[in-house]
Amino acid sequence: MFVVLGATGHTGSVVAETLLAHRQPVRVVVRSADKGAAWKTKGAEVAVASLDDVPAMTAALQGAAGLYLLVPPNYGAAAWLAEQRQRMDQAAQAVKASGVPHVVFLSSVGGHMAEGTGPIRAARYGEQALSAVARNLTILRPSYFMDNWAPGIGMAKSQGVLPTFLDPAAKVPMVSTRDIGRVGAEQLIAGGKGRQIVELSGPEEYSPAEAAAALSRILGKPVSAQFAPLSAVVPTFTSFGLSAEAAALFEEMYAAFAKKAIAYEYPGQLVRGTVTLAEALQGMA
């Protein structure tokens, strides 16, 4: 039995679907029974729990051969980093108490870096907390999500522009959440072997200008990448409902990307996915 957190989200849903396709027994953990109804129909077992209730989460993990773990962020939290670290600690408590033998943890590129990475700092904290308690830990460190372009597709359709805080001409490692979920499931099936780092990217690197060009072909209309300065990050993200702290962390992250300061720890061992940016954008559009 494999337990999957985040089955109602992008990567977790792919993990669960992939496991079921391989005829593996799956238990999805959801916050309410109605969120698990569709998974029950597909043949998965459903457990209702959250990281805010460590005993319930511990019970949901017991008897599992492996766990796919992501810690969903509450970007509206005023003290976002402290709250996210607390959730990482709660996840580690449940892992330790349940004795689950293998954890596949969704972290991020740059998870080995101590400072200057914005919200990635929470993922690094999670890596450390889980390393202290998990018997076998596989850390997934994907690059920039291709799915991050989804919020800008509306403007591409209506105004012909794709907003970006990245240099339109800069090639950036990007990966589809479909590839992340597939690799996560494959790692669960393979089983744990101590502490492992799996760094992920797509088939090749892409620029925001190439993302805009791909959308032009998909939508059948001209689309151009519209660069926004870093000074616009905080007001933009707070307008989306993020707290001031969370928005400032994203500004820090984009500044690090601009300086190419966020990098892989083991670039020679990079695992490349198969989903192209054009394919990912097609699905979003």
C-alpha atoms as a PDB file:
ATOM      1  CA  MET A   1       0.000   0.000   0.000  1.00  0.00           C
ATOM      2  CA  PHE A   2       1.270   3.429  -0.994  1.00  0.00           C
ATOM      3  CA  VAL A   3      -0.062   6.564   0.653  1.00  0.00           C
ATOM      4  CA  VAL A   4      -0.386   9.754  -1.385  1.00  0.00           C
ATOM      5  CA  LEU A   5      -0.818  13.260   0.010  1.00  0.00           C
ATOM      6  CA  GLY A   6      -1.945  16.054  -2.279  1.00  0.00           C
ATOM      7  CA  ALA A   7      -4.015  13.757  -4.521  1.00  0.00           C
ATOM      8  CA  THR A   8      -6.372  16.650  -5.277  1.00  0.00           C
ATOM      9  CA  GLY A   9      -3.453  18.710  -6.637  1.00  0.00           C
ATOM     10  CA  HIS A  10      -1.203  18.570  -9.675  1.00  0.00           C
ATOM     11  CA  THR A  11       1.658  16.253  -8.726  1.00  0.00           C
ATOM     12  CA  GLY A  12      -0.164  14.143  -6.151  1.00  0.00           C
ATOM     13  CA  SER A  13      -2.969  13.298  -8.563  1.00  0.00           C
ATOM     14  CA  VAL A  14      -0.439  12.061 -11.121  1.00  0.00           C
ATOM     15  CA  VAL A  15       1.337   9.986  -8.479  1.00  0.00           C
ATOM     16  CA  ALA A  16      -1.925   8.301  -7.495  1.00  0.00           C
ATOM     17  CA  GLU A  17      -3.058   7.775 -11.107  1.00  0.00           C
ATOM     18  CA  THR A  18       0.313   6.290 -12.064  1.00  0.00           C
ATOM     19  CA  LEU A  19       0.328   3.917  -9.108  1.00  0.00           C
ATOM     20  CA  LEU A  20      -3.211   2.751  -9.883  1.00  0.00           C
ATOM     21  CA  ALA A  21      -2.265   2.250 -13.540  1.00  0.00           C
ATOM     22  CA  HIS A  22       0.525  -0.048 -12.323  1.00  0.00           C
ATOM     23  CA  ARG A  23      -2.049  -1.953 -10.241  1.00  0.00           C
ATOM     24  CA  GLN A  24      -0.541  -0.788  -6.974  1.00  0.00           C
ATOM     25  CA  PRO A  25      -2.772  -0.404  -3.892  1.00  0.00           C
ATOM     26  CA  VAL A  26      -3.210   3.282  -3.071  1.00  0.00           C
ATOM     27  CA  ARG A  27      -4.513   5.218  -0.092  1.00  0.00           C
ATOM     28  CA  VAL A  28      -5.121   8.913  -0.696  1.00  0.00           C
ATOM     29  CA  VAL A  29      -5.184  11.294   2.247  1.00  0.00           C
ATOM     30  CA  VAL A  30      -7.707  14.125   1.912  1.00  0.00           C
ATOM     31  CA  ARG A  31      -9.037  16.793   4.230  1.00  0.00           C
ATOM     32  CA  SER A  32     -12.696  15.791   3.795  1.00  0.00           C
ATOM     33  CA  ALA A  33     -14.502  12.671   2.590  1.00  0.00           C
ATOM     34  CA  ASP A  34     -16.103  14.449  -0.383  1.00  0.00           C
ATOM     35  CA  LYS A  35     -12.645  15.242  -1.772  1.00  0.00           C
ATOM     36  CA  GLY A  36     -11.857  11.521  -1.827  1.00  0.00           C
ATOM     37  CA  ALA A  37     -15.064  10.325  -3.489  1.00  0.00           C
ATOM     38  CA  ALA A  38     -13.633  10.344  -7.022  1.00  0.00           C
ATOM     39  CA  TRP A  39     -10.553   8.415  -5.871  1.00  0.00           C
ATOM     40  CA  LYS A  40     -12.696   5.819  -4.147  1.00  0.00           C
ATOM     41  CA  THR A  41     -14.498   5.275  -7.452  1.00  0.00           C
ATOM     42  CA  LYS A  42     -11.113   4.694  -9.112  1.00  0.00           C
ATOM     43  CA  GLY A  43     -10.240   1.997  -6.613  1.00  0.00           C
ATOM     44  CA  ALA A  44      -8.173   3.902  -4.063  1.00  0.00           C
ATOM     45  CA  GLU A  45      -8.639   3.703  -0.326  1.00  0.00           C
ATOM     46  CA  VAL A  46      -9.476   7.062   1.253  1.00  0.00           C
ATOM     47  CA  ALA A  47      -8.262   8.406   4.606  1.00  0.00           C
ATOM     48  CA  VAL A  48      -9.432  11.725   6.029  1.00  0.00           C
ATOM     49  CA  ALA A  49      -6.632  13.565   7.817  1.00  0.00           C
ATOM     50  CA  SER A  50      -4.428  16.654   7.666  1.00  0.00           C
ATOM     51  CA  LEU A  51      -1.007  17.666   8.874  1.00  0.00           C
ATOM     52  CA  ASP A  52      -2.725  19.850  11.481  1.00  0.00           C
ATOM     53  CA  ASP A  53      -3.871  16.624  13.199  1.00  0.00           C
ATOM     54  CA  VAL A  54      -0.731  14.565  13.734  1.00  0.00           C
ATOM     55  CA  PRO A  55      -2.482  11.551  15.347  1.00  0.00           C
ATOM     56  CA  ALA A  56      -4.943  11.295  12.425  1.00  0.00           C
ATOM     57  CA  MET A  57      -2.131  11.663   9.904  1.00  0.00           C
ATOM     58  CA  THR A  58      -0.089   9.035  11.740  1.00  0.00           C
ATOM     59  CA  ALA A  59      -3.015   6.614  11.528  1.00  0.00           C
ATOM     60  CA  ALA A  60      -3.402   7.333   7.809  1.00  0.00           C
ATOM     61  CA  LEU A  61       0.258   6.401   7.207  1.00  0.00           C
ATOM     62  CA  GLN A  62       0.342   3.199   9.229  1.00  0.00           C
ATOM     63  CA  GLY A  63       0.778  -0.014   7.277  1.00  0.00           C
ATOM     64  CA  ALA A  64       2.071   1.764   4.176  1.00  0.00           C
ATOM     65  CA  ALA A  65       5.106   0.634   2.194  1.00  0.00           C
ATOM     66  CA  GLY A  66       5.775   4.179   1.034  1.00  0.00           C
ATOM     67  CA  LEU A  67       4.507   7.750   1.202  1.00  0.00           C
ATOM     68  CA  TYR A  68       4.373  10.551  -1.347  1.00  0.00           C
ATOM     69  CA  LEU A  69       4.597  13.691   0.749  1.00  0.00           C
ATOM     70  CA  LEU A  70       4.065  17.282  -0.180  1.00  0.00           C
ATOM     71  CA  VAL A  71       3.321  19.983   2.350  1.00  0.00           C
ATOM     72  CA  PRO A  72       0.753  22.369   0.850  1.00  0.00           C
ATOM     73  CA  PRO A  73       1.485  26.043   1.503  1.00  0.00           C
ATOM     74  CA  ASN A  74      -0.931  28.569   2.955  1.00  0.00           C
ATOM     75  CA  TYR A  75       0.380  31.640   1.167  1.00  0.00           C
ATOM     76  CA  GLY A  76      -2.051  33.880   3.010  1.00  0.00           C
ATOM     77  CA  ALA A  77      -0.309  33.246   6.337  1.00  0.00           C
ATOM     78  CA  ALA A  78       1.243  36.404   7.784  1.00  0.00           C
ATOM     79  CA  ALA A  79       4.218  34.476   9.193  1.00  0.00           C
ATOM     80  CA  TRP A  80       4.403  32.177   6.177  1.00  0.00           C
ATOM     81  CA  LEU A  81       7.871  30.693   6.633  1.00  0.00           C
ATOM     82  CA  ALA A  82       7.333  29.885  10.310  1.00  0.00           C
ATOM     83  CA  GLU A  83       3.953  28.277   9.602  1.00  0.00           C
ATOM     84  CA  GLN A  84       5.329  26.193   6.745  1.00  0.00           C
ATOM     85  CA  ARG A  85       8.223  25.000   8.890  1.00  0.00           C
ATOM     86  CA  GLN A  86       5.726  24.010  11.592  1.00  0.00           C
ATOM     87  CA  ARG A  87       3.837  21.908   9.017  1.00  0.00           C
ATOM     88  CA  MET A  88       7.098  20.280   7.983  1.00  0.00           C
ATOM     89  CA  ASP A  89       7.721  19.398  11.642  1.00  0.00           C
ATOM     90  CA  GLN A  90       4.217  17.926  11.924  1.00  0.00           C
ATOM     91  CA  ALA A  91       4.816  15.843   8.797  1.00  0.00           C
ATOM     92  CA  ALA A  92       8.074  14.560  10.289  1.00  0.00           C
ATOM     93  CA  GLN A  93       6.285  13.665  13.538  1.00  0.00           C
ATOM     94  CA  ALA A  94       3.706  11.599  11.647  1.00  0.00           C
ATOM     95  CA  VAL A  95       6.408   9.864   9.595  1.00  0.00           C
ATOM     96  CA  LYS A  96       8.344   8.944  12.730  1.00  0.00           C
ATOM     97  CA  ALA A  97       5.310   7.779  14.702  1.00  0.00           C
ATOM     98  CA  SER A  98       3.865   5.707  11.841  1.00  0.00           C
ATOM     99  CA  GLY A  99       7.127   4.000  10.961  1.00  0.00           C
ATOM    100  CA  VAL A 100       6.461   4.304   7.230  1.00  0.00           C
ATOM    101  CA  PRO A 101       9.644   2.839   5.690  1.00  0.00           C
ATOM    102  CA  HIS A 102      10.029   5.105   2.640  1.00  0.00           C
ATOM    103  CA  VAL A 103       9.132   8.732   2.019  1.00  0.00           C
ATOM    104  CA  VAL A 104       9.222  10.448  -1.375  1.00  0.00           C
ATOM    105  CA  PHE A 105       9.227  14.159  -0.524  1.00  0.00           C
ATOM    106  CA  LEU A 106       8.461  16.947  -2.976  1.00  0.00           C
ATOM    107  CA  SER A 107      11.107  19.617  -2.407  1.00  0.00           C
ATOM    108  CA  SER A 108      12.509  22.054  -4.979  1.00  0.00           C
ATOM    109  CA  VAL A 109      15.553  22.874  -7.034  1.00  0.00           C
ATOM    110  CA  GLY A 110      17.866  24.785  -4.722  1.00  0.00           C
ATOM    111  CA  GLY A 111      16.762  22.756  -1.705  1.00  0.00           C
ATOM    112  CA  HIS A 112      20.405  22.340  -0.712  1.00  0.00           C
ATOM    113  CA  MET A 113      20.922  26.121  -0.467  1.00  0.00           C
ATOM    114  CA  ALA A 114      20.595  27.752   2.950  1.00  0.00           C
ATOM    115  CA  GLU A 115      19.673  31.329   2.052  1.00  0.00           C
ATOM    116  CA  GLY A 116      18.468  33.632  -0.707  1.00  0.00           C
ATOM    117  CA  THR A 117      15.977  31.251  -2.290  1.00  0.00           C
ATOM    118  CA  GLY A 118      12.663  32.647  -1.048  1.00  0.00           C
ATOM    119  CA  PRO A 119       9.938  30.039  -0.400  1.00  0.00           C
ATOM    120  CA  ILE A 120      12.395  27.261  -1.290  1.00  0.00           C
ATOM    121  CA  ARG A 121      13.834  27.772   2.188  1.00  0.00           C
ATOM    122  CA  ALA A 122      10.774  25.975   3.583  1.00  0.00           C
ATOM    123  CA  ALA A 123      11.446  22.987   1.333  1.00  0.00           C
ATOM    124  CA  ARG A 124      15.045  22.868   2.577  1.00  0.00           C
ATOM    125  CA  TYR A 125      13.774  22.823   6.147  1.00  0.00           C
ATOM    126  CA  GLY A 126      11.500  19.921   5.240  1.00  0.00           C
ATOM    127  CA  GLU A 127      14.402  17.979   3.765  1.00  0.00           C
ATOM    128  CA  GLN A 128      16.318  18.363   7.015  1.00  0.00           C
ATOM    129  CA  ALA A 129      13.361  17.513   9.281  1.00  0.00           C
ATOM    130  CA  LEU A 130      12.537  14.368   7.317  1.00  0.00           C
ATOM    131  CA  SER A 131      16.173  13.304   7.030  1.00  0.00           C
ATOM    132  CA  ALA A 132      16.255  13.077  10.825  1.00  0.00           C
ATOM    133  CA  VAL A 133      13.319  10.646  11.068  1.00  0.00           C
ATOM    134  CA  ALA A 134      12.770   8.771   7.775  1.00  0.00           C
ATOM    135  CA  ARG A 135      14.392   5.359   7.382  1.00  0.00           C
ATOM    136  CA  ASN A 136      14.536   5.854   3.617  1.00  0.00           C
ATOM    137  CA  LEU A 137      14.042   9.279   2.053  1.00  0.00           C
ATOM    138  CA  THR A 138      13.863  10.163  -1.625  1.00  0.00           C
ATOM    139  CA  ILE A 139      13.941  13.925  -2.170  1.00  0.00           C
ATOM    140  CA  LEU A 140      12.464  15.214  -5.432  1.00  0.00           C
ATOM    141  CA  ARG A 141      13.898  18.578  -6.472  1.00  0.00           C
ATOM    142  CA  PRO A 142      12.057  19.742  -9.597  1.00  0.00           C
ATOM    143  CA  SER A 143      12.969  22.877 -11.477  1.00  0.00           C
ATOM    144  CA  TYR A 144      10.558  25.726 -12.281  1.00  0.00           C
ATOM    145  CA  PHE A 145       7.079  24.296 -12.862  1.00  0.00           C
ATOM    146  CA  MET A 146       5.787  24.638 -16.431  1.00  0.00           C
ATOM    147  CA  ASP A 147       2.367  24.894 -14.780  1.00  0.00           C
ATOM    148  CA  ASN A 148       3.397  28.270 -13.306  1.00  0.00           C
ATOM    149  CA  TRP A 149       2.452  29.759 -16.685  1.00  0.00           C
ATOM    150  CA  ALA A 150      -1.219  28.851 -16.194  1.00  0.00           C
ATOM    151  CA  PRO A 151      -2.284  32.089 -14.436  1.00  0.00           C
ATOM    152  CA  GLY A 152      -0.997  34.150 -17.386  1.00  0.00           C
ATOM    153  CA  ILE A 153      -2.889  32.285 -20.088  1.00  0.00           C
ATOM    154  CA  GLY A 154      -5.990  34.412 -19.568  1.00  0.00           C
ATOM    155  CA  MET A 155      -4.011  37.561 -20.440  1.00  0.00           C
ATOM    156  CA  ALA A 156      -2.459  35.750 -23.404  1.00  0.00           C
ATOM    157  CA  LYS A 157      -5.939  34.993 -24.719  1.00  0.00           C
ATOM    158  CA  SER A 158      -7.435  38.416 -24.066  1.00  0.00           C
ATOM    159  CA  GLN A 159      -4.490  40.789 -24.541  1.00  0.00           C
ATOM    160  CA  GLY A 160      -1.846  38.827 -26.429  1.00  0.00           C
ATOM    161  CA  VAL A 161       0.738  39.132 -23.651  1.00  0.00           C
ATOM    162  CA  LEU A 162       2.263  36.572 -21.275  1.00  0.00           C
ATOM    163  CA  PRO A 163       3.427  38.339 -18.085  1.00  0.00           C
ATOM    164  CA  THR A 164       6.725  37.210 -16.577  1.00  0.00           C
ATOM    165  CA  PHE A 165       9.194  38.217 -13.878  1.00  0.00           C
ATOM    166  CA  LEU A 166      11.903  36.289 -15.738  1.00  0.00           C
ATOM    167  CA  ASP A 167      14.071  37.727 -18.511  1.00  0.00           C
ATOM    168  CA  PRO A 168      12.077  36.873 -21.676  1.00  0.00           C
ATOM    169  CA  ALA A 169      15.239  35.696 -23.454  1.00  0.00           C
ATOM    170  CA  ALA A 170      16.742  33.698 -20.569  1.00  0.00           C
ATOM    171  CA  LYS A 171      16.670  29.907 -20.833  1.00  0.00           C
ATOM    172  CA  VAL A 172      15.271  28.450 -17.618  1.00  0.00           C
ATOM    173  CA  PRO A 173      15.006  24.787 -16.537  1.00  0.00           C
ATOM    174  CA  MET A 174      11.296  23.913 -16.450  1.00  0.00           C
ATOM    175  CA  VAL A 175       9.429  20.681 -15.773  1.00  0.00           C
ATOM    176  CA  SER A 176       5.827  19.544 -16.062  1.00  0.00           C
ATOM    177  CA  THR A 177       3.969  18.414 -12.956  1.00  0.00           C
ATOM    178  CA  ARG A 178       3.019  15.327 -14.985  1.00  0.00           C
ATOM    179  CA  ASP A 179       6.686  14.323 -15.104  1.00  0.00           C
ATOM    180  CA  ILE A 180       7.133  15.081 -11.409  1.00  0.00           C
ATOM    181  CA  GLY A 181       4.183  12.888 -10.460  1.00  0.00           C
ATOM    182  CA  ARG A 182       5.274  10.067 -12.756  1.00  0.00           C
ATOM    183  CA  VAL A 183       8.803  10.042 -11.331  1.00  0.00           C
ATOM    184  CA  GLY A 184       7.416  10.232  -7.797  1.00  0.00           C
ATOM    185  CA  ALA A 185       5.322   7.115  -8.404  1.00  0.00           C
ATOM    186  CA  GLU A 186       8.243   5.295 -10.000  1.00  0.00           C
ATOM    187  CA  GLN A 187      10.405   6.078  -6.983  1.00  0.00           C
ATOM    188  CA  LEU A 188       7.757   4.681  -4.637  1.00  0.00           C
ATOM    189  CA  ILE A 189       7.488   1.454  -6.628  1.00  0.00           C
ATOM    190  CA  ALA A 190      11.290   1.111  -6.752  1.00  0.00           C
ATOM    191  CA  GLY A 191      11.504   1.394  -2.965  1.00  0.00           C
ATOM    192  CA  GLY A 192      13.806   3.434  -0.770  1.00  0.00           C
ATOM    193  CA  LYS A 193      17.561   3.117  -0.580  1.00  0.00           C
ATOM    194  CA  GLY A 194      18.707   5.403   2.186  1.00  0.00           C
ATOM    195  CA  ARG A 195      18.736   9.122   1.434  1.00  0.00           C
ATOM    196  CA  GLN A 196      18.519   9.924  -2.281  1.00  0.00           C
ATOM    197  CA  ILE A 197      18.304  13.179  -4.224  1.00  0.00           C
ATOM    198  CA  VAL A 198      16.443  13.190  -7.553  1.00  0.00           C
ATOM    199  CA  GLU A 199      16.738  16.490  -9.418  1.00  0.00           C
ATOM    200  CA  LEU A 200      14.236  16.955 -12.249  1.00  0.00           C
ATOM    201  CA  SER A 201      13.832  19.093 -15.338  1.00  0.00           C
ATOM    202  CA  GLY A 202      12.029  18.937 -18.661  1.00  0.00           C
ATOM    203  CA  PRO A 203      13.402  17.661 -21.987  1.00  0.00           C
ATOM    204  CA  GLU A 204      15.273  20.954 -22.484  1.00  0.00           C
ATOM    205  CA  GLU A 205      15.473  24.494 -21.130  1.00  0.00           C
ATOM    206  CA  TYR A 206      12.982  27.131 -22.277  1.00  0.00           C
ATOM    207  CA  SER A 207      12.699  30.912 -22.184  1.00  0.00           C
ATOM    208  CA  PRO A 208       9.573  32.974 -21.465  1.00  0.00           C
ATOM    209  CA  ALA A 209       9.742  34.136 -25.091  1.00  0.00           C
ATOM    210  CA  GLU A 210       9.527  30.498 -26.197  1.00  0.00           C
ATOM    211  CA  ALA A 211       6.552  29.984 -23.896  1.00  0.00           C
ATOM    212  CA  ALA A 212       4.840  32.950 -25.541  1.00  0.00           C
ATOM    213  CA  ALA A 213       5.671  31.631 -29.011  1.00  0.00           C
ATOM    214  CA  ALA A 214       4.212  28.232 -28.120  1.00  0.00           C
ATOM    215  CA  LEU A 215       1.019  29.914 -26.902  1.00  0.00           C
ATOM    216  CA  SER A 216       0.866  31.888 -30.146  1.00  0.00           C
ATOM    217  CA  ARG A 217       0.721  28.617 -32.057  1.00  0.00           C
ATOM    218  CA  ILE A 218      -1.761  27.036 -29.651  1.00  0.00           C
ATOM    219  CA  LEU A 219      -4.128  30.027 -29.555  1.00  0.00           C
ATOM    220  CA  GLY A 220      -3.711  30.992 -33.192  1.00  0.00           C
ATOM    221  CA  LYS A 221      -2.916  34.617 -32.324  1.00  0.00           C
ATOM    222  CA  PRO A 222       0.224  36.645 -31.581  1.00  0.00           C
ATOM    223  CA  VAL A 223       1.423  36.404 -27.976  1.00  0.00           C
ATOM    224  CA  SER A 224       4.518  38.139 -26.616  1.00  0.00           C
ATOM    225  CA  ALA A 225       6.330  37.785 -23.291  1.00  0.00           C
ATOM    226  CA  GLN A 226       5.778  40.923 -21.205  1.00  0.00           C
ATOM    227  CA  PHE A 227       8.611  41.481 -18.718  1.00  0.00           C
ATOM    228  CA  ALA A 228       7.705  42.979 -15.340  1.00  0.00           C
ATOM    229  CA  PRO A 229      10.395  44.363 -12.987  1.00  0.00           C
ATOM    230  CA  LEU A 230      11.121  42.736  -9.632  1.00  0.00           C
ATOM    231  CA  SER A 231       9.614  45.781  -7.915  1.00  0.00           C
ATOM    232  CA  ALA A 232       6.238  44.596  -9.199  1.00  0.00           C
ATOM    233  CA  VAL A 233       6.429  41.157  -7.563  1.00  0.00           C
ATOM    234  CA  VAL A 234       5.148  42.117  -4.096  1.00  0.00           C
ATOM    235  CA  PRO A 235       2.197  44.269  -5.221  1.00  0.00           C
ATOM    236  CA  THR A 236       1.233  41.664  -7.809  1.00  0.00           C
ATOM    237  CA  PHE A 237       1.336  38.708  -5.438  1.00  0.00           C
ATOM    238  CA  THR A 238      -0.407  40.520  -2.580  1.00  0.00           C
ATOM    239  CA  SER A 239      -3.181  41.414  -5.037  1.00  0.00           C
ATOM    240  CA  PHE A 240      -3.588  37.644  -5.516  1.00  0.00           C
ATOM    241  CA  GLY A 241      -4.129  37.208  -1.758  1.00  0.00           C
ATOM    242  CA  LEU A 242      -0.610  36.329  -0.636  1.00  0.00           C
ATOM    243  CA  SER A 243       0.653  37.798   2.618  1.00  0.00           C
ATOM    244  CA  ALA A 244       3.336  40.479   2.533  1.00  0.00           C
ATOM    245  CA  GLU A 245       5.911  37.975   3.823  1.00  0.00           C
ATOM    246  CA  ALA A 246       5.054  35.328   1.237  1.00  0.00           C
ATOM    247  CA  ALA A 247       5.136  37.894  -1.573  1.00  0.00           C
ATOM    248  CA  ALA A 248       8.530  39.187  -0.411  1.00  0.00           C
ATOM    249  CA  LEU A 249       9.874  35.626  -0.435  1.00  0.00           C
ATOM    250  CA  PHE A 250       8.782  35.252  -4.053  1.00  0.00           C
ATOM    251  CA  GLU A 251      10.588  38.482  -4.900  1.00  0.00           C
ATOM    252  CA  GLU A 252      13.709  36.997  -3.306  1.00  0.00           C
ATOM    253  CA  MET A 253      13.299  33.823  -5.362  1.00  0.00           C
ATOM    254  CA  TYR A 254      12.847  35.662  -8.679  1.00  0.00           C
ATOM    255  CA  ALA A 255      15.892  37.815  -7.881  1.00  0.00           C
ATOM    256  CA  ALA A 256      17.905  34.626  -7.356  1.00  0.00           C
ATOM    257  CA  PHE A 257      16.658  33.191 -10.658  1.00  0.00           C
ATOM    258  CA  ALA A 258      17.663  36.415 -12.402  1.00  0.00           C
ATOM    259  CA  LYS A 259      21.200  36.060 -11.056  1.00  0.00           C
ATOM    260  CA  LYS A 260      21.214  32.322 -11.896  1.00  0.00           C
ATOM    261  CA  ALA A 261      21.948  31.749  -8.215  1.00  0.00           C
ATOM    262  CA  ILE A 262      19.523  28.832  -7.852  1.00  0.00           C
ATOM    263  CA  ALA A 263      21.126  25.733  -9.304  1.00  0.00           C
ATOM    264  CA  TYR A 264      21.203  21.960  -9.077  1.00  0.00           C
ATOM    265  CA  GLU A 265      23.330  20.263  -6.470  1.00  0.00           C
ATOM    266  CA  TYR A 266      24.146  17.344  -8.800  1.00  0.00           C
ATOM    267  CA  PRO A 267      23.765  18.642 -12.386  1.00  0.00           C
ATOM    268  CA  GLY A 268      25.497  15.582 -13.815  1.00  0.00           C
ATOM    269  CA  GLN A 269      22.739  13.333 -12.474  1.00  0.00           C
ATOM    270  CA  LEU A 270      19.765  15.370 -13.698  1.00  0.00           C
ATOM    271  CA  VAL A 271      16.643  13.344 -14.550  1.00  0.00           C
ATOM    272  CA  ARG A 272      14.860  14.770 -17.590  1.00  0.00           C
ATOM    273  CA  GLY A 273      11.139  14.407 -18.163  1.00  0.00           C
ATOM    274  CA  THR A 274       9.393  13.796 -21.466  1.00  0.00           C
ATOM    275  CA  VAL A 275       6.647  16.450 -21.470  1.00  0.00           C
ATOM    276  CA  THR A 276       7.604  19.469 -23.586  1.00  0.00           C
ATOM    277  CA  LEU A 277       6.621  23.018 -22.709  1.00  0.00           C
ATOM    278  CA  ALA A 278       4.316  23.152 -25.751  1.00  0.00           C
ATOM    279  CA  GLU A 279       2.526  19.991 -24.586  1.00  0.00           C
ATOM    280  CA  ALA A 280       2.129  21.342 -21.071  1.00  0.00           C
ATOM    281  CA  LEU A 281       0.802  24.682 -22.330  1.00  0.00           C
ATOM    282  CA  GLN A 282      -1.626  22.900 -24.652  1.00  0.00           C
ATOM    283  CA  GLY A 283      -3.104  21.124 -21.665  1.00  0.00           C
ATOM    284  CA  MET A 284      -3.419  24.357 -19.686  1.00  0.00           C
ATOM    285  CA  ALA A 285      -4.919  26.343 -22.566  1.00  0.00           C
END
